[in-house]
Protein backbone atom coordinates (compact mmCIF):
# COMPACT_ATOMS: atom_id res chain seq x y z
CA MET A 1 30.77 -29.49 7.02
CA ALA A 2 26.83 -29.49 5.96
CA SER A 3 26.18 -32.23 3.60
CA GLN A 4 24.06 -32.17 1.15
CA SER A 5 20.55 -34.08 0.09
CA ALA A 6 21.31 -36.28 -2.34
CA ALA A 7 19.88 -35.10 -5.52
CA ASN A 8 18.33 -37.06 -9.16
CA PRO A 9 20.85 -37.82 -11.71
CA THR A 10 18.65 -38.87 -13.97
CA LEU A 11 15.58 -35.64 -14.37
CA GLY A 12 15.87 -34.35 -18.02
CA LYS A 13 18.10 -32.00 -19.74
CA VAL A 14 18.45 -28.71 -18.15
CA PRO A 15 16.44 -26.34 -20.63
CA LEU A 16 19.23 -23.50 -22.36
CA THR A 17 16.73 -20.61 -21.29
CA THR A 18 18.73 -17.77 -19.68
CA ILE A 19 18.68 -18.28 -15.92
CA SER A 20 17.03 -14.87 -13.57
CA LEU A 21 18.55 -13.78 -10.33
CA THR A 22 16.98 -11.59 -8.33
CA PRO A 23 18.40 -9.88 -5.85
CA LYS A 24 17.35 -11.05 -1.77
CA GLN A 25 18.15 -9.07 1.15
CA LYS A 26 21.74 -8.10 3.20
CA PHE A 27 21.82 -9.48 6.46
CA GLU A 28 23.81 -8.75 8.92
CA GLY A 29 25.66 -10.67 11.84
CA HIS A 30 28.51 -13.30 12.58
CA HIS A 31 30.88 -15.18 11.68
CA ILE A 32 28.98 -18.46 10.39
CA THR A 33 30.98 -21.85 9.90
CA ASN A 34 28.06 -23.24 8.23
CA PHE A 35 24.19 -22.78 7.37
CA VAL A 36 20.94 -24.91 6.98
CA PHE A 37 18.05 -24.23 4.38
CA LEU A 38 14.75 -25.25 6.63
CA HIS A 39 11.85 -26.48 4.83
CA ASP A 40 9.36 -23.69 4.99
CA ASN A 41 11.93 -22.34 2.04
CA ALA A 42 11.85 -19.23 3.63
CA HIS A 43 14.48 -19.14 7.09
CA ILE A 44 18.33 -19.89 6.76
CA VAL A 45 20.23 -21.35 10.19
CA SER A 46 23.34 -20.35 9.95
CA SER A 47 26.54 -21.35 13.38
CA SER A 48 29.12 -19.61 14.41
CA LEU A 49 32.66 -19.65 15.73
CA ASP A 50 31.11 -17.93 18.17
CA GLY A 51 28.67 -21.01 19.17
CA THR A 52 25.61 -19.32 18.75
CA MET A 53 23.33 -20.33 15.93
CA ARG A 54 21.24 -17.44 14.26
CA LYS A 55 17.46 -18.10 12.09
CA TRP A 56 17.33 -15.14 8.91
CA ASN A 57 13.69 -14.08 6.88
CA LEU A 58 14.93 -15.54 3.67
CA GLU A 59 11.99 -12.37 2.84
CA THR A 60 12.71 -8.99 4.96
CA GLY A 61 16.52 -10.11 5.42
CA LEU A 62 16.60 -9.89 9.11
CA LEU A 63 17.25 -11.84 12.72
CA VAL A 64 14.28 -13.90 14.13
CA GLY A 65 14.48 -13.83 17.59
CA ASP A 66 17.68 -13.57 19.79
CA PRO A 67 20.66 -15.90 18.74
CA TRP A 68 20.71 -19.15 20.20
CA GLU A 69 23.54 -19.98 22.26
CA LYS A 70 24.61 -22.88 25.29
CA GLU A 71 27.76 -24.50 26.24
CA GLY A 72 29.84 -25.89 24.50
CA GLY A 73 31.65 -23.53 22.53
CA GLY A 74 31.61 -23.49 18.39
CA ILE A 75 29.79 -24.93 16.14
CA TRP A 76 31.05 -26.95 13.73
CA ALA A 77 29.20 -29.04 12.00
CA LEU A 78 25.09 -28.14 11.18
CA GLU A 79 22.87 -30.50 9.50
CA LEU A 80 18.56 -30.61 9.41
CA SER A 81 16.48 -33.29 10.15
CA PRO A 82 15.26 -35.16 6.99
CA ASN A 83 11.11 -33.90 8.58
CA GLY A 84 12.73 -30.34 8.79
CA GLU A 85 12.53 -30.17 11.64
CA THR A 86 15.07 -31.05 13.85
CA ILE A 87 18.45 -29.07 13.74
CA ALA A 88 21.60 -31.25 14.88
CA CYS A 89 25.51 -29.47 15.32
CA GLY A 90 28.55 -30.45 16.48
CA ARG A 91 30.29 -28.46 19.05
CA ILE A 92 34.18 -27.78 19.70
CA ASP A 93 34.45 -29.33 21.86
CA GLY A 94 32.95 -32.81 20.97
CA SER A 95 29.53 -32.53 21.64
CA VAL A 96 26.43 -33.15 19.29
CA GLN A 97 23.16 -30.91 20.65
CA THR A 98 19.18 -31.10 18.60
CA TRP A 99 16.97 -28.75 18.26
CA ASN A 100 13.84 -27.49 16.95
CA THR A 101 13.70 -24.93 14.32
CA ASN A 102 12.52 -21.79 17.15
CA GLY A 103 15.30 -21.82 18.65
CA LYS A 104 15.40 -24.21 21.98
CA MET A 105 17.08 -27.40 22.27
CA VAL A 106 15.47 -30.80 22.19
CA GLU A 107 17.81 -33.27 24.59
CA GLY A 108 21.23 -32.18 27.18
CA ASN A 109 24.88 -32.63 25.77
CA TRP A 110 25.66 -35.77 24.24
CA THR A 111 29.57 -36.73 24.92
CA SER A 112 31.24 -39.00 23.08
CA HIS A 113 33.56 -37.75 20.74
CA SER A 114 37.57 -36.52 22.79
CA ASP A 115 37.75 -33.36 19.75
CA ALA A 116 36.12 -31.01 18.04
CA VAL A 117 32.11 -32.39 16.33
CA TRP A 118 33.50 -31.59 11.81
CA SER A 119 30.67 -33.23 10.31
CA LEU A 120 26.98 -34.49 11.25
CA SER A 121 24.57 -36.23 8.90
CA TRP A 122 20.97 -38.02 9.00
CA SER A 123 19.65 -41.50 8.49
CA PRO A 124 16.82 -41.02 6.00
CA SER A 125 14.32 -41.81 8.30
CA GLY A 126 15.54 -39.59 10.71
CA CYS A 127 16.18 -42.67 13.80
CA HIS A 128 19.56 -41.71 13.74
CA LEU A 129 22.49 -39.05 13.70
CA ALA A 130 25.79 -39.89 12.62
CA SER A 131 28.85 -37.93 14.20
CA GLY A 132 32.28 -37.08 12.82
CA SER A 133 35.37 -36.32 14.90
CA GLY A 134 39.01 -34.40 14.87
CA ASP A 135 39.15 -37.83 16.82
CA GLY A 136 39.18 -39.88 13.57
CA THR A 137 35.67 -41.59 14.83
CA ILE A 138 32.48 -41.73 13.98
CA LEU A 139 28.91 -42.28 16.31
CA ILE A 140 25.65 -43.21 15.09
CA ARG A 141 23.54 -42.23 18.12
CA ASN A 142 19.67 -43.26 18.08
CA ALA A 143 18.25 -39.19 17.22
CA GLY A 144 16.06 -39.57 20.28
CA SER A 145 17.75 -40.69 23.22
CA GLY A 146 21.35 -39.38 21.88
CA GLU A 147 23.17 -43.41 22.44
CA VAL A 148 25.09 -44.30 20.66
CA GLU A 149 24.52 -48.14 19.38
CA VAL A 150 27.03 -48.19 16.87
CA GLY A 151 30.79 -47.23 17.05
CA PRO A 152 33.32 -45.38 17.83
CA ILE A 153 34.24 -46.55 14.31
CA GLU A 154 37.78 -46.03 14.25
CA THR A 155 38.06 -45.02 10.56
CA ASN A 156 42.23 -44.12 10.91
CA GLN A 157 41.14 -40.53 8.25
CA HIS A 158 42.71 -38.58 10.92
CA TRP A 159 39.85 -36.15 10.63
CA VAL A 160 35.98 -37.03 9.96
CA CYS A 161 35.60 -33.92 7.81
CA SER A 162 32.52 -35.21 6.06
CA LEU A 163 30.51 -37.02 6.91
CA ALA A 164 26.69 -38.12 4.11
CA ASN A 165 24.52 -41.37 4.66
CA SER A 166 22.96 -43.48 1.28
CA PRO A 167 19.38 -42.23 0.26
CA SER A 168 19.11 -45.99 0.34
CA GLY A 169 20.27 -46.01 4.75
CA ASP A 170 22.33 -48.47 4.71
CA ARG A 171 26.06 -46.62 4.09
CA ILE A 172 27.13 -44.15 5.45
CA ALA A 173 30.42 -42.14 3.94
CA SER A 174 33.00 -40.76 5.22
CA GLY A 175 35.95 -37.60 3.79
CA GLY A 176 39.09 -37.50 5.88
CA TYR A 177 41.66 -35.07 6.60
CA ASN A 178 43.88 -38.48 4.73
CA GLU A 179 43.09 -37.33 1.14
CA THR A 180 40.82 -40.51 0.80
CA ILE A 181 37.05 -41.72 1.90
CA CYS A 182 35.55 -44.72 3.69
CA ILE A 183 32.17 -46.34 3.71
CA TRP A 184 30.63 -48.41 6.03
CA GLU A 185 27.88 -50.14 6.73
CA CYS A 186 25.21 -48.48 9.04
CA SER A 187 24.57 -50.83 11.65
CA THR A 188 27.74 -52.63 12.15
CA GLY A 189 30.16 -49.79 11.28
CA LYS A 190 31.72 -53.14 9.29
CA LEU A 191 34.13 -51.23 6.65
CA LEU A 192 32.50 -52.22 2.84
CA VAL A 193 34.26 -50.01 0.42
CA GLY A 194 37.91 -48.03 0.94
CA PRO A 195 39.70 -46.43 2.13
CA ILE A 196 39.27 -44.71 -1.75
CA GLU A 197 42.47 -43.34 -1.51
CA LYS A 198 45.64 -40.15 -2.93
CA LEU A 199 42.31 -38.04 -3.87
CA GLY A 200 44.60 -34.89 -3.24
CA TYR A 201 43.27 -33.22 0.01
CA ARG A 202 41.50 -32.93 2.99
CA VAL A 203 37.32 -34.64 2.31
CA ASP A 204 35.25 -31.57 3.76
CA SER A 205 32.65 -32.73 0.98
CA VAL A 206 30.56 -35.66 -0.11
CA VAL A 207 27.47 -36.46 -1.40
CA TRP A 208 25.60 -38.72 -2.50
CA SER A 209 23.17 -39.70 -5.69
CA SER A 210 19.21 -40.01 -5.23
CA ASP A 211 19.57 -44.16 -6.02
CA SER A 212 22.56 -44.58 -4.01
CA THR A 213 25.18 -45.59 -6.63
CA LYS A 214 27.36 -42.17 -7.46
CA LEU A 215 29.39 -40.18 -4.34
CA TYR A 216 30.82 -37.00 -5.42
CA CYS A 217 33.42 -35.08 -3.57
CA ALA A 218 35.42 -32.44 -3.26
CA SER A 219 38.91 -32.52 -3.19
CA GLU A 220 41.87 -30.45 -4.10
CA LYS A 221 41.14 -29.44 -7.01
CA PHE A 222 38.15 -31.37 -8.72
CA ALA A 223 35.14 -32.62 -8.64
CA HIS A 224 35.63 -36.03 -8.39
CA VAL A 225 32.17 -39.52 -8.99
CA LEU A 226 32.62 -42.39 -7.29
CA ASP A 227 31.17 -46.06 -7.93
CA SER A 228 29.42 -46.60 -3.99
CA ILE A 229 29.49 -49.84 -5.53
CA SER A 230 33.79 -50.76 -6.30
CA GLY A 231 35.17 -47.21 -5.24
CA THR A 232 36.30 -46.57 -8.39
CA GLU A 233 36.20 -43.43 -10.04
CA LEU A 234 34.06 -43.29 -12.99
CA HIS A 235 34.77 -39.06 -13.65
CA ARG A 236 36.82 -36.18 -12.75
CA LEU A 237 35.27 -32.39 -13.05
CA GLN A 238 38.65 -30.21 -13.59
CA HIS A 239 38.62 -26.56 -12.22
CA ASP A 240 41.33 -24.54 -11.81
CA ASP A 241 41.78 -23.30 -7.96
CA PHE A 242 40.88 -25.92 -4.80
CA ILE A 243 37.86 -26.68 -3.75
CA TYR A 244 36.30 -27.62 -0.48
CA SER A 245 32.12 -27.62 -1.17
CA VAL A 246 29.42 -29.31 -4.50
CA ALA A 247 25.70 -29.86 -3.46
CA LEU A 248 23.47 -31.38 -5.80
CA SER A 249 20.29 -29.63 -7.57
CA PRO A 250 17.22 -31.62 -5.97
CA LYS A 251 15.14 -29.95 -9.08
CA HIS A 252 18.27 -30.44 -11.30
CA ASN A 253 20.66 -32.55 -12.96
CA ILE A 254 23.07 -29.44 -11.96
CA LEU A 255 26.45 -30.64 -9.46
CA VAL A 256 27.42 -26.77 -8.12
CA CYS A 257 30.98 -26.46 -6.80
CA VAL A 258 33.18 -23.96 -4.16
CA GLY A 259 36.39 -23.16 -2.81
CA VAL A 260 39.07 -21.00 -3.27
CA ARG A 261 39.03 -17.00 -4.45
CA GLY A 262 35.23 -17.00 -3.93
CA VAL A 263 34.92 -18.97 -8.32
CA ALA A 264 32.04 -21.22 -8.35
CA GLN A 265 31.50 -22.99 -10.89
CA LEU A 266 28.47 -25.08 -12.69
CA TRP A 267 28.17 -28.89 -13.80
CA ASN A 268 25.05 -30.74 -15.55
CA ILE A 269 25.67 -34.28 -13.88
CA GLU A 270 24.76 -36.40 -17.10
CA SER A 271 26.68 -34.74 -19.12
CA HIS A 272 30.15 -33.91 -17.25
CA ARG A 273 29.93 -30.56 -18.78
CA PRO A 274 30.64 -26.67 -16.83
CA LEU A 275 27.46 -24.88 -17.35
CA GLY A 276 28.44 -21.51 -18.37
CA GLN A 277 31.04 -19.97 -17.09
CA PRO A 278 32.88 -19.75 -13.50
CA PHE A 279 30.73 -17.12 -11.63
CA ASN A 280 32.87 -15.43 -8.85
CA GLN A 281 32.35 -13.16 -5.29
CA ASP A 282 34.91 -11.18 -5.58
CA ASP A 283 35.20 -10.41 -1.78
CA LEU A 284 35.63 -13.39 -0.54
CA GLU A 285 39.40 -15.15 -0.58
CA TYR A 286 36.88 -18.92 0.20
CA LEU A 287 34.41 -20.60 -0.12
CA HIS A 288 33.75 -23.20 2.43
CA TYR A 289 29.52 -23.98 2.38
CA VAL A 290 27.11 -24.15 -0.71
CA SER A 291 23.29 -26.01 -1.18
CA PHE A 292 20.36 -25.52 -2.16
CA SER A 293 17.15 -24.98 -1.20
CA PRO A 294 14.39 -27.90 -0.89
CA ASP A 295 12.37 -26.91 -3.39
CA GLY A 296 15.88 -25.86 -5.96
CA ARG A 297 14.49 -21.72 -5.06
CA TYR A 298 17.25 -20.77 -4.12
CA LEU A 299 21.44 -20.97 -3.63
CA ALA A 300 23.20 -20.67 -1.03
CA TYR A 301 27.75 -20.38 -0.68
CA GLY A 302 28.98 -18.53 1.79
CA GLY A 303 32.91 -18.76 4.00
CA ASN A 304 34.35 -16.67 6.50
CA ASP A 305 31.42 -14.18 6.98
CA LYS A 306 28.90 -14.21 4.61
CA ILE A 307 26.03 -15.92 2.47
CA THR A 308 25.53 -14.84 -0.91
CA LEU A 309 22.01 -16.30 -1.70
CA ARG A 310 20.66 -16.04 -5.87
CA ILE A 311 16.69 -16.85 -6.42
CA VAL A 312 17.62 -19.66 -8.78
CA GLN A 313 14.89 -19.79 -11.90
CA GLY A 314 15.60 -21.38 -16.09
CA LEU A 315 18.77 -23.28 -14.46
CA SER A 316 20.60 -23.14 -17.93
CA PRO A 317 24.31 -24.03 -19.02
CA SER A 318 24.30 -19.99 -19.67
CA CYS A 319 23.02 -19.36 -16.20
CA PHE A 320 24.75 -17.60 -13.64
CA ASN A 321 26.91 -14.99 -15.55
CA VAL A 322 26.00 -12.41 -13.84
CA SER A 323 27.54 -10.20 -10.54
CA PRO A 324 25.75 -11.83 -7.50
CA PHE A 325 23.75 -9.80 -4.94
CA PRO A 326 25.82 -11.17 -1.10
CA LEU A 327 23.63 -11.46 1.59
CA GLN A 328 26.44 -10.52 3.77
CA TYR A 329 26.69 -11.99 7.35
CA HIS A 330 30.02 -9.45 8.37
CA SER A 331 32.30 -10.33 11.44
CA SER A 332 32.35 -8.26 14.65
CA SER A 333 35.36 -10.12 14.85
CA SER A 334 39.27 -9.24 12.73
CA GLN A 335 39.75 -13.44 12.72
CA ASN A 336 39.70 -15.20 8.92
CA HIS A 337 39.30 -18.84 10.84
CA HIS A 338 40.72 -21.09 7.86
CA ARG A 339 39.33 -24.67 8.93
């Protein structure tokens, strides 16, 4: 799954104003597995188990051009480069591809993994791209040539479900199917911290604080806040049900967590207290993906065949206590795949 870029944990407190949520569009398309906001704050690119990606206009709700299609099978991992110009996708056949934001593949298939690519993460400079696979390895490639420069890193995590490069650029965190997080040295692949064990469930989502001192991850019914040097758990944010994905706002000191029964919850990352009540996407059993747009204006979350988009204005402890407006990607298939 895609990992969020870090937000500043030292920003001021969230104002006690009322949030305004303006409905957007209803999108219809494919069985989504992930999505990324483009840096123009006007488009989303989604990926699918049908092997395609699609670009959507947030203002009109219309598909931009034709679906992007290439060989390699279904897509689980999707990640936008730091400069916003290149989208990497990881496919079921173990290949990694890079595309420009207009839907043209930049390079050929990069192969080396023996199982599906579950996670991707760009280095802060955009010069390297890391991939994590169901074969339990991490590969760090030159983003221009696709040449493997570090790895394979044998993680012993079964599947590498999530990856996130530190903003400092020297470390990369991996979340495993075996309930662990490991932190590796990017230049050598050396294990620096971990495995951090007994997190309760496979770790499908990991994000860094902007100063690289903390990690936030989703596992079982908790969002864990970890010290990135020692691996010590600093805080544990408890939810009523399992959560699968976390994201940090680029404009506020807010963490959002989404998971089972379509429930999402906002947290203040300074006070470690929830902001308002959980808000539900009632027609979704699972929410697997969540992301803020680069300008912090939008919050999107989704699972299986739907994405809900909200316009965010005036985040506050009382926010999101209204019914959501769904931006729905309806699957033409009855398949209800749960990763």
